[in-house]
Amino acid sequence: MPKERMTPRERFRAIVNHEVPDRIPLHYRATEEADAKLMQYLGLATAQERNARLHLEPGMGVGGRYVGPPPAPGKDLHGIEYRTIEYEGGTYRECATHPLAQFKTIEEIEDNYTWPNPDWWDYSHIRKRVEGKDHLPVSGGGSEPFLRYKYLRGDMQAFMDLLENPELAHYIIGKLYDEAYEATRRTYEQIPGRVDSTSVAEDLGSQEGLLYSPEILREFFLPYMKRMMDLAHQAGAKVATHSDGSIRAIIPDLIEMGMDILDPVQWRCKGMEREALKRDFGGRLVFHGGMDNQYTLPFGTVEEVVAEVRDNIHILGAGGGYVLGPCHNIQVVGPPENVVACYDTAWNEGWY
């Protein structure tokens, strides 16, 4: 086995600068139930042991620490209540109330609702947190406001707002992006030039195509996302954009706006074929993810997992520009043998 030549941060910088690193970096994400199942299978007790066994080298994330007034009992800072739902695949925390659902105008919201104050978070601890960690890539700041919008208004009303109440939609989206922008700016302010990546995310795709028309995207999503991307680039950070699904049609717009890293590359979705993505966008994008979590990891054989890892290395990893990992959280319904096969194969065969 070749000896590692780069630190995790050096490897990340090589990847995002479209240079060939020593090896393909590995990323892990799983539900709590799936992680516990894997740990039991491997006989491990800590996340550190799991990281070592799977050849992982997680970076570090930084952000604000909440110091404001306590939220109302059972609610978050936006007034949203949640409930725990048991599924076959695990336990999920689901939104149960929509505090802005009853309002029809901006004035009604202004008169009856209080938005969180940016001063309710403190960022002064961040400097000490990164001290002595120069070898690790740092992620910080970011945004995914339309998910929160749907919690505030309810899914159906949120989608209807985009067509029937655009003024209200812009108002709420703007408020949520202002929150994310200020939190991100204050994070950068504490450690200038030290944040390596920032997530500017929105789920834009379904299995078959875009969730929204290009016109809706270009009015209600892309301008706000670009503002966040511009802030990240001004601070020297690279932009990672998470979007599930089939988003091929909007990738050129995202690149033009400033997307550097595309996650999670759900290649079984229509139009997301790996060869075409690498051919058309590989010179401008880093691909992050790519291990199928709809069939291969949860339901495939070990041999199919190994074959897919090899395909991803040869297709997405050609010449660099790839971080290998699951295209969503690993689920408890899948066998841990598949997870181990994925990371062992990537470790053994992902060297340049």
Protein backbone atom coordinates (compact mmCIF):
# COMPACT_ATOMS: atom_id res chain seq x y z
CA MET A 1 0.00 0.00 0.00
CA PRO A 2 1.48 3.40 -0.93
CA LYS A 3 2.32 5.68 1.96
CA GLU A 4 0.18 8.82 2.17
CA ARG A 5 2.04 11.88 0.97
CA MET A 6 -0.51 14.64 1.57
CA THR A 7 -2.29 15.95 4.62
CA PRO A 8 -6.10 15.99 4.42
CA ARG A 9 -6.07 19.73 3.73
CA GLU A 10 -3.40 19.42 1.05
CA ARG A 11 -5.43 16.68 -0.57
CA PHE A 12 -8.60 18.79 -0.48
CA ARG A 13 -6.80 21.77 -2.00
CA ALA A 14 -5.37 19.61 -4.77
CA ILE A 15 -8.82 18.25 -5.58
CA VAL A 16 -10.57 21.63 -5.73
CA ASN A 17 -7.73 23.20 -7.71
CA HIS A 18 -8.05 20.41 -10.30
CA GLU A 19 -4.65 18.98 -9.49
CA VAL A 20 -4.01 15.26 -9.09
CA PRO A 21 -3.74 14.33 -5.39
CA ASP A 22 -1.99 11.28 -3.94
CA ARG A 23 -5.30 9.43 -3.66
CA ILE A 24 -9.06 9.86 -3.88
CA PRO A 25 -10.44 11.25 -0.59
CA LEU A 26 -13.22 9.28 1.08
CA HIS A 27 -16.40 10.67 2.62
CA TYR A 28 -18.84 8.89 4.95
CA ARG A 29 -22.43 9.71 5.87
CA ALA A 30 -24.98 7.40 7.47
CA THR A 31 -28.09 7.43 9.61
CA GLU A 32 -27.53 6.81 13.31
CA GLU A 33 -29.04 3.35 12.99
CA ALA A 34 -26.84 2.42 10.04
CA ASP A 35 -23.75 3.72 11.79
CA ALA A 36 -24.53 1.73 14.94
CA LYS A 37 -25.10 -1.40 12.85
CA LEU A 38 -21.74 -0.93 11.13
CA MET A 39 -19.93 -0.30 14.41
CA GLN A 40 -21.41 -3.47 15.92
CA TYR A 41 -20.45 -5.48 12.84
CA LEU A 42 -16.87 -4.24 13.04
CA GLY A 43 -16.67 -4.54 16.82
CA LEU A 44 -15.81 -0.87 17.23
CA ALA A 45 -16.72 1.49 20.06
CA THR A 46 -15.92 4.99 18.83
CA ALA A 47 -16.22 7.16 15.74
CA GLN A 48 -12.45 7.52 15.75
CA GLU A 49 -12.05 3.75 15.50
CA ARG A 50 -14.58 3.65 12.67
CA ASN A 51 -12.80 6.44 10.81
CA ALA A 52 -9.49 4.61 11.07
CA ARG A 53 -10.98 1.30 9.94
CA LEU A 54 -12.67 2.87 6.89
CA HIS A 55 -9.63 5.04 6.06
CA LEU A 56 -11.59 8.24 6.65
CA GLU A 57 -10.11 11.61 7.56
CA PRO A 58 -12.97 13.96 8.39
CA GLY A 59 -12.29 17.66 8.28
CA MET A 60 -13.72 20.00 10.84
CA GLY A 61 -16.80 22.18 10.75
CA VAL A 62 -17.14 25.53 12.49
CA GLY A 63 -20.05 27.81 13.21
CA GLY A 64 -21.82 29.96 15.73
CA ARG A 65 -22.72 28.96 19.28
CA TYR A 66 -26.24 29.87 20.36
CA VAL A 67 -26.30 32.29 23.30
CA GLY A 68 -29.72 33.91 22.83
CA PRO A 69 -32.99 33.53 24.70
CA PRO A 70 -34.31 29.97 25.02
CA PRO A 71 -36.92 29.08 22.41
CA ALA A 72 -40.47 28.27 23.41
CA PRO A 73 -40.81 24.76 24.87
CA GLY A 74 -40.88 22.12 22.16
CA LYS A 75 -40.06 24.59 19.38
CA ASP A 76 -36.96 25.66 17.51
CA LEU A 77 -35.87 29.27 17.00
CA HIS A 78 -38.28 29.68 14.08
CA GLY A 79 -41.19 28.44 16.16
CA ILE A 80 -41.35 25.06 14.44
CA GLU A 81 -42.36 21.95 16.38
CA TYR A 82 -41.09 18.48 15.48
CA ARG A 83 -42.10 14.89 16.14
CA THR A 84 -40.18 11.64 15.96
CA ILE A 85 -41.41 9.20 13.32
CA GLU A 86 -40.46 5.52 13.24
CA TYR A 87 -39.81 4.09 9.79
CA GLU A 88 -38.60 0.68 8.70
CA GLY A 89 -35.31 2.33 7.88
CA GLY A 90 -34.89 4.18 11.16
CA THR A 91 -36.11 7.11 13.21
CA TYR A 92 -36.52 10.54 11.66
CA ARG A 93 -37.35 13.93 13.15
CA GLU A 94 -40.17 15.40 11.08
CA CYS A 95 -41.63 18.89 11.00
CA ALA A 96 -45.03 18.88 12.72
CA THR A 97 -46.16 22.54 12.64
CA HIS A 98 -45.87 25.42 10.17
CA PRO A 99 -45.85 28.74 12.05
CA LEU A 100 -46.24 30.94 8.96
CA ALA A 101 -48.88 28.82 7.20
CA GLN A 102 -51.86 31.01 8.16
CA PHE A 103 -50.45 34.30 6.88
CA LYS A 104 -51.28 35.70 3.46
CA THR A 105 -49.34 38.98 3.46
CA ILE A 106 -45.98 40.33 4.48
CA GLU A 107 -47.69 42.73 6.86
CA GLU A 108 -49.36 39.87 8.74
CA ILE A 109 -46.00 38.21 9.26
CA GLU A 110 -44.34 41.43 10.35
CA ASP A 111 -47.12 42.07 12.89
CA ASN A 112 -47.27 38.56 14.34
CA TYR A 113 -43.91 36.86 13.95
CA THR A 114 -40.37 37.47 15.24
CA TRP A 115 -37.41 36.40 13.15
CA PRO A 116 -34.27 35.17 14.96
CA ASN A 117 -31.70 37.88 15.72
CA PRO A 118 -28.16 37.33 14.34
CA ASP A 119 -26.77 38.52 17.66
CA TRP A 120 -28.20 35.42 19.35
CA TRP A 121 -25.09 33.54 18.17
CA ASP A 122 -21.51 33.96 19.30
CA TYR A 123 -18.56 33.15 17.04
CA SER A 124 -15.60 34.12 19.22
CA HIS A 125 -14.73 30.49 20.07
CA ILE A 126 -13.95 29.58 16.45
CA ARG A 127 -10.37 30.90 16.45
CA LYS A 128 -9.31 28.65 19.30
CA ARG A 129 -11.13 25.70 17.78
CA VAL A 130 -8.98 25.71 14.64
CA GLU A 131 -5.67 26.32 16.42
CA GLY A 132 -3.20 23.53 15.72
CA LYS A 133 -5.45 22.06 13.03
CA ASP A 134 -3.68 23.43 9.96
CA HIS A 135 -3.56 19.93 8.46
CA LEU A 136 -7.37 19.67 8.34
CA PRO A 137 -9.76 21.25 5.84
CA VAL A 138 -12.32 23.51 7.52
CA SER A 139 -15.93 23.90 6.44
CA GLY A 140 -18.14 26.68 7.72
CA GLY A 141 -21.15 28.81 6.95
CA GLY A 142 -23.62 27.93 4.26
CA SER A 143 -27.29 27.88 3.38
CA GLU A 144 -30.30 25.75 2.43
CA PRO A 145 -33.20 28.12 3.06
CA PHE A 146 -36.01 26.62 0.99
CA LEU A 147 -36.01 23.54 3.20
CA ARG A 148 -36.68 25.86 6.15
CA TYR A 149 -39.24 27.76 4.06
CA LYS A 150 -41.21 24.54 3.58
CA TYR A 151 -41.11 23.93 7.33
CA LEU A 152 -42.43 27.43 7.97
CA ARG A 153 -45.24 27.33 5.40
CA GLY A 154 -45.82 23.63 4.73
CA ASP A 155 -44.66 21.90 1.55
CA MET A 156 -47.76 22.48 -0.55
CA GLN A 157 -48.15 26.13 0.41
CA ALA A 158 -44.45 26.76 -0.14
CA PHE A 159 -44.64 25.51 -3.71
CA MET A 160 -47.85 27.44 -4.35
CA ASP A 161 -46.30 30.65 -3.03
CA LEU A 162 -43.77 30.63 -5.86
CA LEU A 163 -46.61 30.96 -8.37
CA GLU A 164 -49.45 32.62 -6.49
CA ASN A 165 -47.73 34.89 -3.98
CA PRO A 166 -44.28 35.76 -5.35
CA GLU A 167 -43.93 38.91 -3.23
CA LEU A 168 -44.40 36.90 -0.05
CA ALA A 169 -42.10 34.16 -1.35
CA HIS A 170 -39.30 36.65 -2.00
CA TYR A 171 -39.83 38.16 1.44
CA ILE A 172 -39.51 34.85 3.30
CA ILE A 173 -36.70 33.52 1.13
CA GLY A 174 -34.86 36.81 1.54
CA LYS A 175 -35.20 36.70 5.32
CA LEU A 176 -33.85 33.16 5.48
CA TYR A 177 -30.96 33.92 3.16
CA ASP A 178 -30.13 37.03 5.18
CA GLU A 179 -29.85 34.81 8.26
CA ALA A 180 -27.53 32.39 6.45
CA TYR A 181 -25.47 35.19 4.90
CA GLU A 182 -24.86 36.93 8.22
CA ALA A 183 -23.98 33.68 10.02
CA THR A 184 -21.54 32.81 7.24
CA ARG A 185 -20.00 36.28 7.18
CA ARG A 186 -19.43 36.25 10.93
CA THR A 187 -17.82 32.81 10.69
CA TYR A 188 -15.37 34.03 8.06
CA GLU A 189 -14.67 37.13 10.13
CA GLN A 190 -13.27 35.04 12.98
CA ILE A 191 -10.77 33.05 10.90
CA PRO A 192 -10.02 35.03 7.72
CA GLY A 193 -8.91 32.80 4.87
CA ARG A 194 -9.12 29.62 6.92
CA VAL A 195 -12.51 28.27 5.80
CA ASP A 196 -11.86 25.93 2.88
CA SER A 197 -15.42 25.08 1.86
CA THR A 198 -18.95 26.35 2.33
CA SER A 199 -22.14 24.53 1.42
CA VAL A 200 -24.66 26.46 -0.68
CA ALA A 201 -27.38 23.85 -1.02
CA GLU A 202 -30.92 23.48 -2.32
CA ASP A 203 -32.61 20.29 -3.47
CA LEU A 204 -33.50 21.11 -7.07
CA GLY A 205 -34.07 17.72 -8.69
CA SER A 206 -36.34 14.67 -8.68
CA GLN A 207 -35.61 11.22 -10.08
CA GLU A 208 -36.65 12.34 -13.57
CA GLY A 209 -35.84 16.06 -13.82
CA LEU A 210 -35.93 19.43 -12.13
CA LEU A 211 -38.37 20.05 -9.28
CA TYR A 212 -38.97 23.57 -10.57
CA SER A 213 -39.11 25.20 -13.96
CA PRO A 214 -35.96 27.00 -15.08
CA GLU A 215 -37.91 30.27 -14.82
CA ILE A 216 -38.79 29.63 -11.16
CA LEU A 217 -35.23 28.61 -10.39
CA ARG A 218 -33.80 31.73 -11.96
CA GLU A 219 -36.16 34.00 -10.05
CA PHE A 220 -36.40 32.45 -6.59
CA PHE A 221 -33.30 30.31 -6.14
CA LEU A 222 -30.27 31.14 -8.23
CA PRO A 223 -29.86 34.87 -7.40
CA TYR A 224 -29.90 34.15 -3.67
CA MET A 225 -27.55 31.19 -4.07
CA LYS A 226 -25.17 33.33 -6.12
CA ARG A 227 -25.04 35.92 -3.35
CA MET A 228 -23.91 33.19 -0.95
CA MET A 229 -21.40 31.82 -3.47
CA ASP A 230 -19.93 35.28 -4.03
CA LEU A 231 -19.48 35.71 -0.27
CA ALA A 232 -17.71 32.35 -0.03
CA HIS A 233 -15.35 33.12 -2.88
CA GLN A 234 -14.56 36.54 -1.47
CA ALA A 235 -13.47 34.76 1.71
CA GLY A 236 -11.31 32.27 -0.19
CA ALA A 237 -13.65 29.31 0.31
CA LYS A 238 -14.78 26.85 -2.32
CA VAL A 239 -18.50 26.30 -2.83
CA ALA A 240 -20.03 22.85 -2.42
CA THR A 241 -23.56 22.61 -3.77
CA HIS A 242 -25.73 19.75 -2.58
CA SER A 243 -28.75 18.85 -4.67
CA ASP A 244 -30.33 15.46 -4.93
CA GLY A 245 -31.80 14.17 -8.13
CA SER A 246 -31.70 14.94 -11.81
CA ILE A 247 -30.24 18.44 -12.15
CA ARG A 248 -28.25 18.14 -15.37
CA ALA A 249 -30.25 20.96 -16.97
CA ILE A 250 -29.22 23.50 -14.35
CA ILE A 251 -25.55 22.49 -13.84
CA PRO A 252 -24.22 25.07 -16.36
CA ASP A 253 -26.06 27.84 -14.47
CA LEU A 254 -24.65 26.64 -11.14
CA ILE A 255 -21.12 26.55 -12.53
CA GLU A 256 -21.51 30.03 -13.99
CA MET A 257 -22.70 31.27 -10.58
CA GLY A 258 -19.70 29.81 -8.79
CA MET A 259 -20.34 26.18 -7.81
CA ASP A 260 -17.02 24.35 -7.33
CA ILE A 261 -18.16 20.98 -5.93
CA LEU A 262 -21.28 19.01 -6.93
CA ASP A 263 -22.79 16.67 -4.37
CA PRO A 264 -24.06 13.91 -4.32
CA VAL A 265 -24.04 12.77 -8.02
CA GLN A 266 -27.06 10.46 -8.02
CA TRP A 267 -26.09 8.82 -11.27
CA ARG A 268 -29.16 6.57 -11.46
CA CYS A 269 -31.31 9.68 -11.94
CA LYS A 270 -32.20 10.72 -15.48
CA GLY A 271 -29.48 12.70 -17.21
CA MET A 272 -26.89 12.20 -14.46
CA GLU A 273 -24.77 9.60 -16.25
CA ARG A 274 -21.23 9.73 -14.88
CA GLU A 275 -19.37 9.58 -18.17
CA ALA A 276 -21.27 12.57 -19.57
CA LEU A 277 -20.92 14.60 -16.38
CA LYS A 278 -17.18 14.03 -16.28
CA ARG A 279 -16.79 14.74 -19.99
CA ASP A 280 -18.82 17.93 -20.01
CA PHE A 281 -18.07 19.43 -16.59
CA GLY A 282 -15.01 17.66 -15.19
CA GLY A 283 -12.70 20.52 -16.04
CA ARG A 284 -14.75 22.92 -13.90
CA LEU A 285 -16.30 20.73 -11.21
CA VAL A 286 -15.30 18.42 -8.41
CA PHE A 287 -17.69 15.47 -8.04
CA HIS A 288 -18.52 14.45 -4.48
CA GLY A 289 -20.36 11.20 -3.71
CA GLY A 290 -21.34 8.91 -6.56
CA MET A 291 -21.85 5.63 -4.67
CA ASP A 292 -25.45 4.68 -5.40
CA ASN A 293 -27.68 4.52 -2.34
CA GLN A 294 -30.87 3.53 -4.15
CA TYR A 295 -29.75 0.04 -5.15
CA THR A 296 -26.04 -0.75 -4.90
CA LEU A 297 -25.19 0.00 -1.26
CA PRO A 298 -28.48 -1.10 0.33
CA PHE A 299 -29.48 -4.00 -1.92
CA GLY A 300 -26.53 -4.93 -4.14
CA THR A 301 -23.98 -7.68 -3.62
CA VAL A 302 -20.45 -7.09 -2.38
CA GLU A 303 -19.26 -7.79 -5.91
CA GLU A 304 -21.57 -5.09 -7.30
CA VAL A 305 -20.30 -2.60 -4.72
CA VAL A 306 -16.69 -3.34 -5.62
CA ALA A 307 -17.47 -2.96 -9.32
CA GLU A 308 -19.17 0.39 -8.75
CA VAL A 309 -16.27 1.71 -6.71
CA ARG A 310 -13.93 0.79 -9.54
CA ASP A 311 -16.22 2.43 -12.09
CA ASN A 312 -16.35 5.65 -10.06
CA ILE A 313 -12.58 5.70 -9.67
CA HIS A 314 -12.04 5.27 -13.40
CA ILE A 315 -14.85 7.60 -14.52
CA LEU A 316 -15.26 10.37 -11.96
CA GLY A 317 -11.75 10.07 -10.54
CA ALA A 318 -9.88 10.24 -13.84
CA GLY A 319 -7.25 12.97 -13.53
CA GLY A 320 -8.48 14.01 -10.07
CA GLY A 321 -11.54 16.03 -9.15
CA TYR A 322 -13.39 13.36 -7.16
CA VAL A 323 -14.30 12.60 -3.55
CA LEU A 324 -15.82 9.13 -3.19
CA GLY A 325 -18.75 8.55 -0.85
CA PRO A 326 -22.41 7.55 -0.74
CA CYS A 327 -24.87 9.68 -2.68
CA HIS A 328 -26.93 10.08 0.49
CA ASN A 329 -26.93 8.78 4.07
CA ILE A 330 -26.20 5.07 4.22
CA GLN A 331 -29.40 3.36 5.41
CA VAL A 332 -29.83 0.68 8.04
CA VAL A 333 -31.59 -1.67 5.58
CA GLY A 334 -28.26 -2.31 3.82
CA PRO A 335 -25.65 -4.88 4.88
CA PRO A 336 -22.53 -3.54 6.63
CA GLU A 337 -20.46 -5.84 4.41
CA ASN A 338 -21.28 -3.50 1.51
CA VAL A 339 -20.07 -0.46 3.41
CA VAL A 340 -16.78 -2.14 4.30
CA ALA A 341 -16.30 -3.34 0.72
CA CYS A 342 -16.91 0.18 -0.57
CA TYR A 343 -14.26 1.85 1.56
CA ASP A 344 -11.71 -0.95 1.45
CA THR A 345 -11.84 -1.05 -2.34
CA ALA A 346 -11.60 2.72 -2.60
CA TRP A 347 -8.61 2.73 -0.25
CA ASN A 348 -6.82 -0.09 -2.02
CA GLU A 349 -7.45 1.08 -5.58
CA GLY A 350 -7.93 4.86 -5.32
CA TRP A 351 -4.26 5.89 -5.47
CA TYR A 352 -2.85 7.96 -8.34
